[in-house]
Amino acid sequence: MKSPVIKRSIVIAGHKTSVSLEDAFWRGLKDIAVGRRTTLSDLVASIDSGRRHGNLSSAIRLFVLDYFQAHTDGNGERGNGDGDQGDGPKSHRRLVAMGSVADAPALRPE
């Protein structure tokens, strides 16, 4: 049976590293990068620089999860865009409290 976790190489901050993620997290990460008009490498670099402990793959999973939770209405449906969906900074503070990302504005869901 093939593992659902796929290891991919990515260049961040000028050095090559590998990250193991499920396809759903890779797709989510790419969607976030496109939405923010940034490169995948730059987005991963910002996640990497903000994590306090744990491995990069875990930090990426938590970031993607937090991003999409902040952009739903609480029932798994996308919010209507008027700011009433998830509270991005509150969700971000929850991740900071867990020690997964630093309190950096670049990592807050938009």
PDB file of N, CA and C in Angstrom:
ATOM      1  N   MET A   1       0.838  -1.179   0.000  1.00  0.00           N
ATOM      2  CA  MET A   1       0.000   0.000   0.000  1.00  0.00           C
ATOM      3  C   MET A   1       0.885   1.245   0.000  1.00  0.00           C
ATOM      4  N   LYS A   2       0.586   2.166  -0.874  1.00  0.00           N
ATOM      5  CA  LYS A   2       1.363   3.388  -0.996  1.00  0.00           C
ATOM      6  C   LYS A   2       0.996   4.368   0.114  1.00  0.00           C
ATOM      7  N   SER A   3       1.998   4.999   0.691  1.00  0.00           N
ATOM      8  CA  SER A   3       1.783   5.966   1.753  1.00  0.00           C
ATOM      9  C   SER A   3       1.133   7.224   1.202  1.00  0.00           C
ATOM     10  N   PRO A   4       0.151   7.789   1.929  1.00  0.00           N
ATOM     11  CA  PRO A   4      -0.472   9.032   1.471  1.00  0.00           C
ATOM     12  C   PRO A   4       0.430  10.243   1.688  1.00  0.00           C
ATOM     13  N   VAL A   5       1.513  10.059   2.435  1.00  0.00           N
ATOM     14  CA  VAL A   5       2.455  11.146   2.689  1.00  0.00           C
ATOM     15  C   VAL A   5       3.521  11.122   1.605  1.00  0.00           C
ATOM     16  N   ILE A   6       3.724  12.283   0.971  1.00  0.00           N
ATOM     17  CA  ILE A   6       4.693  12.377  -0.111  1.00  0.00           C
ATOM     18  C   ILE A   6       5.787  13.347   0.293  1.00  0.00           C
ATOM     19  N   LYS A   7       7.030  12.929   0.084  1.00  0.00           N
ATOM     20  CA  LYS A   7       8.168  13.790   0.394  1.00  0.00           C
ATOM     21  C   LYS A   7       8.520  14.582  -0.856  1.00  0.00           C
ATOM     22  N   ARG A   8       8.598  15.901  -0.682  1.00  0.00           N
ATOM     23  CA  ARG A   8       8.965  16.787  -1.785  1.00  0.00           C
ATOM     24  C   ARG A   8      10.116  17.671  -1.349  1.00  0.00           C
ATOM     25  N   SER A   9      10.910  18.080  -2.296  1.00  0.00           N
ATOM     26  CA  SER A   9      12.013  18.996  -2.013  1.00  0.00           C
ATOM     27  C   SER A   9      11.570  20.415  -2.328  1.00  0.00           C
ATOM     28  N   ILE A  10      12.057  21.351  -1.510  1.00  0.00           N
ATOM     29  CA  ILE A  10      11.731  22.761  -1.704  1.00  0.00           C
ATOM     30  C   ILE A  10      12.939  23.580  -1.263  1.00  0.00           C
ATOM     31  N   VAL A  11      13.155  24.690  -1.941  1.00  0.00           N
ATOM     32  CA  VAL A  11      14.265  25.583  -1.577  1.00  0.00           C
ATOM     33  C   VAL A  11      13.686  26.717  -0.744  1.00  0.00           C
ATOM     34  N   ILE A  12      14.200  26.832   0.486  1.00  0.00           N
ATOM     35  CA  ILE A  12      13.786  27.932   1.348  1.00  0.00           C
ATOM     36  C   ILE A  12      15.029  28.613   1.906  1.00  0.00           C
ATOM     37  N   ALA A  13      15.012  29.917   1.853  1.00  0.00           N
ATOM     38  CA  ALA A  13      16.137  30.727   2.341  1.00  0.00           C
ATOM     39  C   ALA A  13      17.453  30.258   1.712  1.00  0.00           C
ATOM     40  N   GLY A  14      17.394  29.889   0.433  1.00  0.00           N
ATOM     41  CA  GLY A  14      18.602  29.522  -0.292  1.00  0.00           C
ATOM     42  C   GLY A  14      19.114  28.114  -0.080  1.00  0.00           C
ATOM     43  N   HIS A  15      18.422  27.314   0.736  1.00  0.00           N
ATOM     44  CA  HIS A  15      18.886  25.933   0.902  1.00  0.00           C
ATOM     45  C   HIS A  15      17.746  24.959   0.622  1.00  0.00           C
ATOM     46  N   LYS A  16      18.122  23.796   0.129  1.00  0.00           N
ATOM     47  CA  LYS A  16      17.158  22.779  -0.253  1.00  0.00           C
ATOM     48  C   LYS A  16      16.834  21.919   0.966  1.00  0.00           C
ATOM     49  N   THR A  17      15.558  21.688   1.166  1.00  0.00           N
ATOM     50  CA  THR A  17      15.121  20.821   2.253  1.00  0.00           C
ATOM     51  C   THR A  17      13.967  19.964   1.750  1.00  0.00           C
ATOM     52  N   SER A  18      13.648  18.928   2.466  1.00  0.00           N
ATOM     53  CA  SER A  18      12.522  18.090   2.064  1.00  0.00           C
ATOM     54  C   SER A  18      11.431  18.184   3.115  1.00  0.00           C
ATOM     55  N   VAL A  19      10.202  18.125   2.636  1.00  0.00           N
ATOM     56  CA  VAL A  19       9.031  18.214   3.488  1.00  0.00           C
ATOM     57  C   VAL A  19       8.097  17.082   3.096  1.00  0.00           C
ATOM     58  N   SER A  20       7.576  16.393   4.091  1.00  0.00           N
ATOM     59  CA  SER A  20       6.644  15.293   3.848  1.00  0.00           C
ATOM     60  C   SER A  20       5.242  15.724   4.233  1.00  0.00           C
ATOM     61  N   LEU A  21       4.359  15.775   3.240  1.00  0.00           N
ATOM     62  CA  LEU A  21       2.979  16.188   3.462  1.00  0.00           C
ATOM     63  C   LEU A  21       2.028  15.361   2.603  1.00  0.00           C
ATOM     64  N   GLU A  22       0.813  15.240   3.067  1.00  0.00           N
ATOM     65  CA  GLU A  22      -0.230  14.631   2.274  1.00  0.00           C
ATOM     66  C   GLU A  22      -0.604  15.586   1.148  1.00  0.00           C
ATOM     67  N   ASP A  23      -1.123  15.029   0.043  1.00  0.00           N
ATOM     68  CA  ASP A  23      -1.491  15.843  -1.120  1.00  0.00           C
ATOM     69  C   ASP A  23      -2.462  16.968  -0.770  1.00  0.00           C
ATOM     70  N   ALA A  24      -3.411  16.716   0.109  1.00  0.00           N
ATOM     71  CA  ALA A  24      -4.389  17.746   0.466  1.00  0.00           C
ATOM     72  C   ALA A  24      -3.698  18.966   1.081  1.00  0.00           C
ATOM     73  N   PHE A  25      -2.673  18.743   1.890  1.00  0.00           N
ATOM     74  CA  PHE A  25      -1.959  19.864   2.490  1.00  0.00           C
ATOM     75  C   PHE A  25      -1.105  20.593   1.455  1.00  0.00           C
ATOM     76  N   TRP A  26      -0.507  19.849   0.507  1.00  0.00           N
ATOM     77  CA  TRP A  26       0.245  20.509  -0.562  1.00  0.00           C
ATOM     78  C   TRP A  26      -0.673  21.396  -1.393  1.00  0.00           C
ATOM     79  N   ARG A  27      -1.860  20.861  -1.739  1.00  0.00           N
ATOM     80  CA  ARG A  27      -2.809  21.652  -2.534  1.00  0.00           C
ATOM     81  C   ARG A  27      -3.261  22.889  -1.766  1.00  0.00           C
ATOM     82  N   GLY A  28      -3.557  22.722  -0.479  1.00  0.00           N
ATOM     83  CA  GLY A  28      -3.963  23.859   0.338  1.00  0.00           C
ATOM     84  C   GLY A  28      -2.875  24.909   0.433  1.00  0.00           C
ATOM     85  N   LEU A  29      -1.642  24.454   0.620  1.00  0.00           N
ATOM     86  CA  LEU A  29      -0.508  25.381   0.714  1.00  0.00           C
ATOM     87  C   LEU A  29      -0.326  26.147  -0.587  1.00  0.00           C
ATOM     88  N   LYS A  30      -0.449  25.456  -1.717  1.00  0.00           N
ATOM     89  CA  LYS A  30      -0.344  26.117  -3.022  1.00  0.00           C
ATOM     90  C   LYS A  30      -1.468  27.128  -3.221  1.00  0.00           C
ATOM     91  N   ASP A  31      -2.688  26.778  -2.809  1.00  0.00           N
ATOM     92  CA  ASP A  31      -3.818  27.700  -2.926  1.00  0.00           C
ATOM     93  C   ASP A  31      -3.580  28.968  -2.107  1.00  0.00           C
ATOM     94  N   ILE A  32      -3.045  28.805  -0.903  1.00  0.00           N
ATOM     95  CA  ILE A  32      -2.763  29.963  -0.061  1.00  0.00           C
ATOM     96  C   ILE A  32      -1.711  30.847  -0.718  1.00  0.00           C
ATOM     97  N   ALA A  33      -0.659  30.230  -1.242  1.00  0.00           N
ATOM     98  CA  ALA A  33       0.411  30.997  -1.903  1.00  0.00           C
ATOM     99  C   ALA A  33      -0.135  31.774  -3.093  1.00  0.00           C
ATOM    100  N   VAL A  34      -0.970  31.148  -3.906  1.00  0.00           N
ATOM    101  CA  VAL A  34      -1.565  31.830  -5.058  1.00  0.00           C
ATOM    102  C   VAL A  34      -2.432  32.990  -4.584  1.00  0.00           C
ATOM    103  N   GLY A  35      -3.244  32.754  -3.570  1.00  0.00           N
ATOM    104  CA  GLY A  35      -4.120  33.793  -3.047  1.00  0.00           C
ATOM    105  C   GLY A  35      -3.357  34.983  -2.480  1.00  0.00           C
ATOM    106  N   ARG A  36      -2.179  34.728  -1.959  1.00  0.00           N
ATOM    107  CA  ARG A  36      -1.361  35.808  -1.399  1.00  0.00           C
ATOM    108  C   ARG A  36      -0.371  36.375  -2.408  1.00  0.00           C
ATOM    109  N   ARG A  37      -0.420  35.834  -3.605  1.00  0.00           N
ATOM    110  CA  ARG A  37       0.479  36.271  -4.682  1.00  0.00           C
ATOM    111  C   ARG A  37       1.945  36.183  -4.256  1.00  0.00           C
ATOM    112  N   THR A  38       2.290  35.034  -3.713  1.00  0.00           N
ATOM    113  CA  THR A  38       3.663  34.770  -3.304  1.00  0.00           C
ATOM    114  C   THR A  38       4.059  33.390  -3.799  1.00  0.00           C
ATOM    115  N   THR A  39       5.327  33.092  -3.725  1.00  0.00           N
ATOM    116  CA  THR A  39       5.782  31.775  -4.154  1.00  0.00           C
ATOM    117  C   THR A  39       5.599  30.780  -3.017  1.00  0.00           C
ATOM    118  N   LEU A  40       5.516  29.543  -3.386  1.00  0.00           N
ATOM    119  CA  LEU A  40       5.429  28.470  -2.401  1.00  0.00           C
ATOM    120  C   LEU A  40       6.660  28.496  -1.496  1.00  0.00           C
ATOM    121  N   SER A  41       7.824  28.708  -2.090  1.00  0.00           N
ATOM    122  CA  SER A  41       9.064  28.763  -1.312  1.00  0.00           C
ATOM    123  C   SER A  41       9.052  29.896  -0.295  1.00  0.00           C
ATOM    124  N   ASP A  42       8.558  31.061  -0.702  1.00  0.00           N
ATOM    125  CA  ASP A  42       8.505  32.195   0.229  1.00  0.00           C
ATOM    126  C   ASP A  42       7.513  31.940   1.364  1.00  0.00           C
ATOM    127  N   LEU A  43       6.371  31.350   1.039  1.00  0.00           N
ATOM    128  CA  LEU A  43       5.389  31.045   2.067  1.00  0.00           C
ATOM    129  C   LEU A  43       5.946  30.036   3.063  1.00  0.00           C
ATOM    130  N   VAL A  44       6.581  28.983   2.564  1.00  0.00           N
ATOM    131  CA  VAL A  44       7.166  27.977   3.457  1.00  0.00           C
ATOM    132  C   VAL A  44       8.294  28.583   4.284  1.00  0.00           C
ATOM    133  N   ALA A  45       9.068  29.489   3.691  1.00  0.00           N
ATOM    134  CA  ALA A  45      10.144  30.145   4.436  1.00  0.00           C
ATOM    135  C   ALA A  45       9.566  30.953   5.597  1.00  0.00           C
ATOM    136  N   SER A  46       8.440  31.635   5.382  1.00  0.00           N
ATOM    137  CA  SER A  46       7.841  32.417   6.465  1.00  0.00           C
ATOM    138  C   SER A  46       7.292  31.509   7.561  1.00  0.00           C
ATOM    139  N   ILE A  47       6.733  30.377   7.181  1.00  0.00           N
ATOM    140  CA  ILE A  47       6.266  29.403   8.178  1.00  0.00           C
ATOM    141  C   ILE A  47       7.462  28.852   8.951  1.00  0.00           C
ATOM    142  N   ASP A  48       8.520  28.530   8.219  1.00  0.00           N
ATOM    143  CA  ASP A  48       9.727  27.970   8.842  1.00  0.00           C
ATOM    144  C   ASP A  48      10.362  28.952   9.826  1.00  0.00           C
ATOM    145  N   SER A  49      10.451  30.206   9.439  1.00  0.00           N
ATOM    146  CA  SER A  49      11.101  31.187  10.312  1.00  0.00           C
ATOM    147  C   SER A  49      10.269  31.491  11.544  1.00  0.00           C
ATOM    148  N   GLY A  50       8.964  31.234  11.473  1.00  0.00           N
ATOM    149  CA  GLY A  50       8.095  31.538  12.593  1.00  0.00           C
ATOM    150  C   GLY A  50       7.849  30.411  13.565  1.00  0.00           C
ATOM    151  N   ARG A  51       8.259  29.211  13.236  1.00  0.00           N
ATOM    152  CA  ARG A  51       7.950  28.106  14.149  1.00  0.00           C
ATOM    153  C   ARG A  51       8.906  28.103  15.330  1.00  0.00           C
ATOM    154  N   ARG A  52       8.372  27.743  16.459  1.00  0.00           N
ATOM    155  CA  ARG A  52       9.167  27.739  17.688  1.00  0.00           C
ATOM    156  C   ARG A  52       9.765  26.373  17.977  1.00  0.00           C
ATOM    157  N   HIS A  53       9.048  25.340  17.657  1.00  0.00           N
ATOM    158  CA  HIS A  53       9.567  23.978  17.793  1.00  0.00           C
ATOM    159  C   HIS A  53       8.701  23.058  16.956  1.00  0.00           C
ATOM    160  N   GLY A  54       9.076  21.819  16.912  1.00  0.00           N
ATOM    161  CA  GLY A  54       8.382  20.886  16.034  1.00  0.00           C
ATOM    162  C   GLY A  54       9.023  20.907  14.661  1.00  0.00           C
ATOM    163  N   ASN A  55       8.624  19.980  13.832  1.00  0.00           N
ATOM    164  CA  ASN A  55       9.240  19.927  12.506  1.00  0.00           C
ATOM    165  C   ASN A  55       8.460  20.768  11.506  1.00  0.00           C
ATOM    166  N   LEU A  56       9.089  21.059  10.396  1.00  0.00           N
ATOM    167  CA  LEU A  56       8.505  21.934   9.382  1.00  0.00           C
ATOM    168  C   LEU A  56       7.218  21.342   8.811  1.00  0.00           C
ATOM    169  N   SER A  57       7.176  20.057   8.587  1.00  0.00           N
ATOM    170  CA  SER A  57       5.961  19.437   8.042  1.00  0.00           C
ATOM    171  C   SER A  57       4.773  19.672   8.964  1.00  0.00           C
ATOM    172  N   SER A  58       4.974  19.511  10.255  1.00  0.00           N
ATOM    173  CA  SER A  58       3.894  19.742  11.218  1.00  0.00           C
ATOM    174  C   SER A  58       3.477  21.205  11.234  1.00  0.00           C
ATOM    175  N   ALA A  59       4.448  22.104  11.183  1.00  0.00           N
ATOM    176  CA  ALA A  59       4.140  23.539  11.180  1.00  0.00           C
ATOM    177  C   ALA A  59       3.316  23.905   9.948  1.00  0.00           C
ATOM    178  N   ILE A  60       3.636  23.317   8.801  1.00  0.00           N
ATOM    179  CA  ILE A  60       2.878  23.590   7.571  1.00  0.00           C
ATOM    180  C   ILE A  60       1.451  23.059   7.707  1.00  0.00           C
ATOM    181  N   ARG A  61       1.294  21.847   8.216  1.00  0.00           N
ATOM    182  CA  ARG A  61      -0.047  21.278   8.389  1.00  0.00           C
ATOM    183  C   ARG A  61      -0.896  22.178   9.283  1.00  0.00           C
ATOM    184  N   LEU A  62      -0.335  22.627  10.405  1.00  0.00           N
ATOM    185  CA  LEU A  62      -1.080  23.491  11.322  1.00  0.00           C
ATOM    186  C   LEU A  62      -1.423  24.829  10.683  1.00  0.00           C
ATOM    187  N   PHE A  63      -0.498  25.371   9.909  1.00  0.00           N
ATOM    188  CA  PHE A  63      -0.738  26.641   9.228  1.00  0.00           C
ATOM    189  C   PHE A  63      -1.878  26.507   8.226  1.00  0.00           C
ATOM    190  N   VAL A  64      -1.843  25.462   7.404  1.00  0.00           N
ATOM    191  CA  VAL A  64      -2.888  25.247   6.394  1.00  0.00           C
ATOM    192  C   VAL A  64      -4.229  25.015   7.087  1.00  0.00           C
ATOM    193  N   LEU A  65      -4.253  24.197   8.121  1.00  0.00           N
ATOM    194  CA  LEU A  65      -5.484  23.937   8.856  1.00  0.00           C
ATOM    195  C   LEU A  65      -6.045  25.232   9.431  1.00  0.00           C
ATOM    196  N   ASP A  66      -5.204  26.020  10.075  1.00  0.00           N
ATOM    197  CA  ASP A  66      -5.646  27.287  10.664  1.00  0.00           C
ATOM    198  C   ASP A  66      -6.178  28.235   9.595  1.00  0.00           C
ATOM    199  N   TYR A  67      -5.499  28.315   8.477  1.00  0.00           N
ATOM    200  CA  TYR A  67      -5.922  29.199   7.396  1.00  0.00           C
ATOM    201  C   TYR A  67      -7.338  28.852   6.939  1.00  0.00           C
ATOM    202  N   PHE A  68      -7.588  27.581   6.670  1.00  0.00           N
ATOM    203  CA  PHE A  68      -8.893  27.201   6.151  1.00  0.00           C
ATOM    204  C   PHE A  68      -9.967  27.223   7.234  1.00  0.00           C
ATOM    205  N   GLN A  69      -9.611  26.969   8.477  1.00  0.00           N
ATOM    206  CA  GLN A  69     -10.588  27.119   9.552  1.00  0.00           C
ATOM    207  C   GLN A  69     -11.005  28.580   9.686  1.00  0.00           C
ATOM    208  N   ALA A  70     -10.064  29.483   9.540  1.00  0.00           N
ATOM    209  CA  ALA A  70     -10.355  30.907   9.660  1.00  0.00           C
ATOM    210  C   ALA A  70     -11.191  31.412   8.483  1.00  0.00           C
ATOM    211  N   HIS A  71     -11.229  30.669   7.394  1.00  0.00           N
ATOM    212  CA  HIS A  71     -11.964  31.080   6.208  1.00  0.00           C
ATOM    213  C   HIS A  71     -13.237  30.274   5.991  1.00  0.00           C
ATOM    214  N   THR A  72     -13.767  29.682   7.057  1.00  0.00           N
ATOM    215  CA  THR A  72     -15.047  28.985   6.975  1.00  0.00           C
ATOM    216  C   THR A  72     -16.000  29.599   7.984  1.00  0.00           C
ATOM    217  N   ASP A  73     -17.261  29.271   7.877  1.00  0.00           N
ATOM    218  CA  ASP A  73     -18.276  29.859   8.751  1.00  0.00           C
ATOM    219  C   ASP A  73     -18.525  29.030  10.009  1.00  0.00           C
ATOM    220  N   GLY A  74     -17.688  28.061  10.295  1.00  0.00           N
ATOM    221  CA  GLY A  74     -17.883  27.209  11.461  1.00  0.00           C
ATOM    222  C   GLY A  74     -18.587  25.910  11.131  1.00  0.00           C
ATOM    223  N   ASN A  75     -19.189  25.832   9.954  1.00  0.00           N
ATOM    224  CA  ASN A  75     -19.870  24.616   9.521  1.00  0.00           C
ATOM    225  C   ASN A  75     -19.147  23.952   8.357  1.00  0.00           C
ATOM    226  N   GLY A  76     -17.914  24.384   8.118  1.00  0.00           N
ATOM    227  CA  GLY A  76     -17.156  23.816   7.022  1.00  0.00           C
ATOM    228  C   GLY A  76     -17.412  24.484   5.687  1.00  0.00           C
ATOM    229  N   GLU A  77     -18.293  25.494   5.677  1.00  0.00           N
ATOM    230  CA  GLU A  77     -18.597  26.217   4.453  1.00  0.00           C
ATOM    231  C   GLU A  77     -17.759  27.482   4.395  1.00  0.00           C
ATOM    232  N   ARG A  78     -17.361  27.878   3.191  1.00  0.00           N
ATOM    233  CA  ARG A  78     -16.589  29.116   3.045  1.00  0.00           C
ATOM    234  C   ARG A  78     -17.418  30.294   3.509  1.00  0.00           C
ATOM    235  N   GLY A  79     -16.750  31.218   4.205  1.00  0.00           N
ATOM    236  CA  GLY A  79     -17.430  32.424   4.684  1.00  0.00           C
ATOM    237  C   GLY A  79     -17.859  33.309   3.538  1.00  0.00           C
ATOM    238  N   ASN A  80     -18.665  34.311   3.847  1.00  0.00           N
ATOM    239  CA  ASN A  80     -19.185  35.184   2.800  1.00  0.00           C
ATOM    240  C   ASN A  80     -18.278  36.360   2.499  1.00  0.00           C
ATOM    241  N   GLY A  81     -17.106  36.420   3.162  1.00  0.00           N
ATOM    242  CA  GLY A  81     -16.147  37.461   2.846  1.00  0.00           C
ATOM    243  C   GLY A  81     -16.366  38.766   3.564  1.00  0.00           C
ATOM    244  N   ASP A  82     -17.382  38.850   4.454  1.00  0.00           N
ATOM    245  CA  ASP A  82     -17.630  40.110   5.143  1.00  0.00           C
ATOM    246  C   ASP A  82     -16.958  40.196   6.503  1.00  0.00           C
ATOM    247  N   GLY A  83     -16.087  39.255   6.791  1.00  0.00           N
ATOM    248  CA  GLY A  83     -15.353  39.297   8.043  1.00  0.00           C
ATOM    249  C   GLY A  83     -16.034  38.534   9.161  1.00  0.00           C
ATOM    250  N   ASP A  84     -17.212  37.968   8.904  1.00  0.00           N
ATOM    251  CA  ASP A  84     -17.927  37.252   9.946  1.00  0.00           C
ATOM    252  C   ASP A  84     -17.555  35.780  10.024  1.00  0.00           C
ATOM    253  N   GLN A  85     -16.716  35.318   9.112  1.00  0.00           N
ATOM    254  CA  GLN A  85     -16.333  33.915   9.177  1.00  0.00           C
ATOM    255  C   GLN A  85     -15.341  33.731  10.312  1.00  0.00           C
ATOM    256  N   GLY A  86     -14.281  33.009  10.177  1.00  0.00           N
ATOM    257  CA  GLY A  86     -13.334  32.778  11.264  1.00  0.00           C
ATOM    258  C   GLY A  86     -12.592  34.034  11.658  1.00  0.00           C
ATOM    259  N   ASP A  87     -12.154  34.075  12.896  1.00  0.00           N
ATOM    260  CA  ASP A  87     -11.376  35.202  13.387  1.00  0.00           C
ATOM    261  C   ASP A  87      -9.906  34.854  13.213  1.00  0.00           C
ATOM    262  N   GLY A  88      -9.308  35.331  12.121  1.00  0.00           N
ATOM    263  CA  GLY A  88      -7.928  34.987  11.796  1.00  0.00           C
ATOM    264  C   GLY A  88      -6.938  35.215  12.914  1.00  0.00           C
ATOM    265  N   PRO A  89      -6.855  36.435  13.475  1.00  0.00           N
ATOM    266  CA  PRO A  89      -5.891  36.667  14.537  1.00  0.00           C
ATOM    267  C   PRO A  89      -6.128  35.790  15.754  1.00  0.00           C
ATOM    268  N   LYS A  90      -7.397  35.519  16.108  1.00  0.00           N
ATOM    269  CA  LYS A  90      -7.669  34.652  17.245  1.00  0.00           C
ATOM    270  C   LYS A  90      -7.160  33.238  16.953  1.00  0.00           C
ATOM    271  N   SER A  91      -7.444  32.752  15.747  1.00  0.00           N
ATOM    272  CA  SER A  91      -6.962  31.427  15.368  1.00  0.00           C
ATOM    273  C   SER A  91      -5.445  31.393  15.373  1.00  0.00           C
ATOM    274  N   HIS A  92      -4.843  32.496  14.908  1.00  0.00           N
ATOM    275  CA  HIS A  92      -3.386  32.573  14.903  1.00  0.00           C
ATOM    276  C   HIS A  92      -2.850  32.532  16.327  1.00  0.00           C
ATOM    277  N   ARG A  93      -3.494  33.255  17.241  1.00  0.00           N
ATOM    278  CA  ARG A  93      -3.046  33.238  18.637  1.00  0.00           C
ATOM    279  C   ARG A  93      -3.138  31.832  19.208  1.00  0.00           C
ATOM    280  N   ARG A  94      -4.156  31.074  18.786  1.00  0.00           N
ATOM    281  CA  ARG A  94      -4.283  29.694  19.260  1.00  0.00           C
ATOM    282  C   ARG A  94      -3.070  28.880  18.824  1.00  0.00           C
ATOM    283  N   LEU A  95      -2.633  29.055  17.579  1.00  0.00           N
ATOM    284  CA  LEU A  95      -1.454  28.329  17.107  1.00  0.00           C
ATOM    285  C   LEU A  95      -0.199  28.805  17.818  1.00  0.00           C
ATOM    286  N   VAL A  96      -0.094  30.109  18.070  1.00  0.00           N
ATOM    287  CA  VAL A  96       1.072  30.631  18.779  1.00  0.00           C
ATOM    288  C   VAL A  96       1.129  30.019  20.164  1.00  0.00           C
ATOM    289  N   ALA A  97      -0.018  29.937  20.823  1.00  0.00           N
ATOM    290  CA  ALA A  97      -0.051  29.354  22.163  1.00  0.00           C
ATOM    291  C   ALA A  97       0.392  27.900  22.133  1.00  0.00           C
ATOM    292  N   MET A  98       0.124  27.216  21.021  1.00  0.00           N
ATOM    293  CA  MET A  98       0.559  25.835  20.878  1.00  0.00           C
ATOM    294  C   MET A  98       2.031  25.763  20.499  1.00  0.00           C
ATOM    295  N   GLY A  99       2.644  26.909  20.177  1.00  0.00           N
ATOM    296  CA  GLY A  99       4.056  26.935  19.854  1.00  0.00           C
ATOM    297  C   GLY A  99       4.380  26.530  18.436  1.00  0.00           C
ATOM    298  N   SER A 100       3.401  26.602  17.540  1.00  0.00           N
ATOM    299  CA  SER A 100       3.649  26.137  16.174  1.00  0.00           C
ATOM    300  C   SER A 100       4.156  27.236  15.255  1.00  0.00           C
ATOM    301  N   VAL A 101       3.761  28.469  15.496  1.00  0.00           N
ATOM    302  CA  VAL A 101       4.233  29.572  14.670  1.00  0.00           C
ATOM    303  C   VAL A 101       4.442  30.788  15.560  1.00  0.00           C
ATOM    304  N   ALA A 102       5.333  31.653  15.156  1.00  0.00           N
ATOM    305  CA  ALA A 102       5.562  32.885  15.908  1.00  0.00           C
ATOM    306  C   ALA A 102       4.473  33.883  15.593  1.00  0.00           C
ATOM    307  N   ASP A 103       4.331  34.899  16.401  1.00  0.00           N
ATOM    308  CA  ASP A 103       3.325  35.920  16.191  1.00  0.00           C
ATOM    309  C   ASP A 103       3.800  36.900  15.138  1.00  0.00           C
ATOM    310  N   ALA A 104       3.801  36.446  13.900  1.00  0.00           N
ATOM    311  CA  ALA A 104       4.280  37.261  12.791  1.00  0.00           C
ATOM    312  C   ALA A 104       3.112  37.612  11.888  1.00  0.00           C
ATOM    313  N   PRO A 105       2.918  38.885  11.536  1.00  0.00           N
ATOM    314  CA  PRO A 105       1.795  39.271  10.696  1.00  0.00           C
ATOM    315  C   PRO A 105       1.742  38.531   9.374  1.00  0.00           C
ATOM    316  N   ALA A 106       2.887  38.188   8.814  1.00  0.00           N
ATOM    317  CA  ALA A 106       2.910  37.514   7.514  1.00  0.00           C
ATOM    318  C   ALA A 106       2.257  36.146   7.580  1.00  0.00           C
ATOM    319  N   LEU A 107       2.138  35.576   8.773  1.00  0.00           N
ATOM    320  CA  LEU A 107       1.567  34.243   8.897  1.00  0.00           C
ATOM    321  C   LEU A 107       0.096  34.265   9.251  1.00  0.00           C
ATOM    322  N   ARG A 108      -0.472  35.425   9.502  1.00  0.00           N
ATOM    323  CA  ARG A 108      -1.884  35.506   9.850  1.00  0.00           C
ATOM    324  C   ARG A 108      -2.730  35.266   8.613  1.00  0.00           C
ATOM    325  N   PRO A 109      -3.798  34.484   8.750  1.00  0.00           N
ATOM    326  CA  PRO A 109      -4.698  34.310   7.615  1.00  0.00           C
ATOM    327  C   PRO A 109      -5.272  35.659   7.195  1.00  0.00           C
ATOM    328  N   GLU A 110      -5.490  35.815   5.909  1.00  0.00           N
ATOM    329  CA  GLU A 110      -6.012  37.089   5.387  1.00  0.00           C
ATOM    330  C   GLU A 110      -7.510  37.112   5.471  1.00  0.00           C
TER     331      GLU A 110
END
